[in-house]
Amino acid sequence: MAVGKLGVVALDCPEPRSLAEFYRSVIGGSLDGDGDWVTLRGDDGVGLAFQRADDWQPPIWPGKERPQQAHVDVEVTDLDVAEKQVLELGARKADYQPGTTFRVFLDPVGHPFCLCAC
């Protein structure tokens, strides 16, 4: 028996509302909250939250000096189309691309995320 159920996965960032709006443009859903904590909930109830961290420093990926501690995978049907869309939203494509069935990007504040072919 599980102790509980997953509420949200939270990402530290300098501006929670702005980063939440970026991810809403990528995966859809609705936003709740303002200020130091904003939650994005998809139609399926899955949540991604954004928490203000005034001393935020993005991970250096791939690297060990400031390694990623988590990342978001977004499943897409067409990698080329999705890549163009996230770049237009403000993502940056990572220089290092370790695979062919997914692509690594950095969100507007530097969190790594992947577009994955499904």
Protein backbone atom coordinates (compact mmCIF):
# COMPACT_ATOMS: atom_id res chain seq x y z
CA MET A 1 0.00 0.00 0.00
CA ALA A 2 1.30 3.47 -0.92
CA VAL A 3 1.84 6.07 1.76
CA GLY A 4 0.34 8.79 -0.41
CA LYS A 5 -0.03 10.03 -3.96
CA LEU A 6 2.01 12.43 -6.04
CA GLY A 7 0.86 16.02 -5.71
CA VAL A 8 3.23 17.97 -7.94
CA VAL A 9 6.81 18.09 -9.05
CA ALA A 10 8.21 21.53 -8.16
CA LEU A 11 10.95 23.44 -9.97
CA ASP A 12 12.89 26.28 -8.37
CA CYS A 13 13.12 29.40 -10.52
CA PRO A 14 13.49 33.18 -10.29
CA GLU A 15 9.99 34.07 -11.64
CA PRO A 16 7.38 31.34 -11.01
CA ARG A 17 4.54 32.84 -13.06
CA SER A 18 6.70 33.42 -16.12
CA LEU A 19 8.13 29.89 -16.12
CA ALA A 20 4.68 28.38 -15.46
CA GLU A 21 3.35 30.23 -18.51
CA PHE A 22 6.21 28.84 -20.61
CA TYR A 23 5.36 25.26 -19.60
CA ARG A 24 1.62 25.89 -20.07
CA SER A 25 2.43 26.86 -23.67
CA VAL A 26 4.38 23.61 -24.05
CA ILE A 27 2.02 21.10 -22.35
CA GLY A 28 -1.29 22.95 -21.80
CA GLY A 29 -3.27 23.05 -18.58
CA SER A 30 -4.36 25.74 -16.17
CA LEU A 31 -2.42 27.92 -13.74
CA ASP A 32 -3.18 28.56 -10.10
CA GLY A 33 -1.34 30.90 -7.78
CA ASP A 34 0.91 33.88 -8.06
CA GLY A 35 3.93 35.28 -6.31
CA ASP A 36 6.27 32.70 -4.83
CA TRP A 37 4.35 29.55 -5.89
CA VAL A 38 2.43 28.79 -9.09
CA THR A 39 0.95 25.40 -10.01
CA LEU A 40 0.24 24.14 -13.52
CA ARG A 41 -2.32 21.32 -13.70
CA GLY A 42 -2.98 19.34 -16.83
CA ASP A 43 -6.42 18.07 -17.78
CA ASP A 44 -5.33 14.70 -16.37
CA GLY A 45 -4.65 16.28 -12.96
CA VAL A 46 -0.87 15.95 -13.16
CA GLY A 47 0.81 18.96 -11.57
CA LEU A 48 4.00 20.86 -12.13
CA ALA A 49 4.75 23.66 -9.66
CA PHE A 50 7.15 26.57 -9.77
CA GLN A 51 8.71 27.97 -6.60
CA ARG A 52 10.61 31.25 -6.30
CA ALA A 53 14.30 30.85 -5.55
CA ASP A 54 15.99 34.23 -5.40
CA ASP A 55 19.47 32.69 -5.64
CA TRP A 56 18.55 30.44 -8.62
CA GLN A 57 21.46 29.24 -10.74
CA PRO A 58 20.67 26.89 -13.61
CA PRO A 59 22.37 23.52 -13.90
CA ILE A 60 25.20 23.18 -16.38
CA TRP A 61 24.16 20.26 -18.55
CA PRO A 62 25.82 17.89 -19.08
CA GLY A 63 28.21 18.59 -16.29
CA LYS A 64 29.05 17.93 -12.69
CA GLU A 65 29.80 21.43 -11.42
CA ARG A 66 26.06 22.23 -11.15
CA PRO A 67 24.36 19.02 -12.35
CA GLN A 68 20.71 18.70 -13.22
CA GLN A 69 18.75 17.19 -10.39
CA ALA A 70 15.56 16.63 -12.34
CA HIS A 71 14.15 17.28 -15.77
CA VAL A 72 10.80 17.23 -17.56
CA ASP A 73 10.05 14.85 -20.46
CA VAL A 74 7.40 16.02 -22.93
CA GLU A 75 6.06 13.38 -25.33
CA VAL A 76 5.44 14.62 -28.88
CA THR A 77 4.42 13.04 -32.17
CA ASP A 78 6.78 15.09 -34.37
CA LEU A 79 10.16 16.13 -32.97
CA ASP A 80 10.87 18.66 -35.73
CA VAL A 81 7.55 20.47 -35.34
CA ALA A 82 7.75 20.46 -31.54
CA GLU A 83 11.35 21.73 -31.62
CA LYS A 84 10.34 24.73 -33.70
CA GLN A 85 7.46 25.46 -31.32
CA VAL A 86 9.48 25.35 -28.09
CA LEU A 87 12.24 27.49 -29.61
CA GLU A 88 9.63 30.10 -30.54
CA LEU A 89 8.41 30.01 -26.92
CA GLY A 90 11.87 30.83 -25.58
CA ALA A 91 13.58 27.47 -25.09
CA ARG A 92 17.19 26.92 -26.15
CA LYS A 93 18.43 23.69 -27.70
CA ALA A 94 21.24 22.15 -25.67
CA ASP A 95 24.57 21.80 -27.44
CA TYR A 96 24.95 18.20 -26.29
CA GLN A 97 22.36 15.80 -27.75
CA PRO A 98 22.95 12.23 -26.51
CA GLY A 99 20.18 10.42 -28.39
CA THR A 100 18.08 10.26 -31.54
CA THR A 101 14.58 9.59 -30.18
CA PHE A 102 14.58 12.67 -27.96
CA ARG A 103 16.04 16.17 -27.95
CA VAL A 104 17.32 18.14 -24.97
CA PHE A 105 16.38 21.78 -24.46
CA LEU A 106 16.79 24.37 -21.72
CA ASP A 107 13.73 26.28 -20.55
CA PRO A 108 13.92 30.09 -20.26
CA VAL A 109 15.70 29.87 -16.87
CA GLY A 110 17.97 26.92 -17.72
CA HIS A 111 16.16 23.76 -16.54
CA PRO A 112 16.84 20.88 -18.93
CA PHE A 113 13.78 19.30 -20.53
CA CYS A 114 13.37 16.78 -23.31
CA LEU A 115 11.03 16.42 -26.23
CA CYS A 116 10.55 12.65 -26.65
CA ALA A 117 9.15 10.93 -29.72
CA CYS A 118 6.13 8.82 -28.90
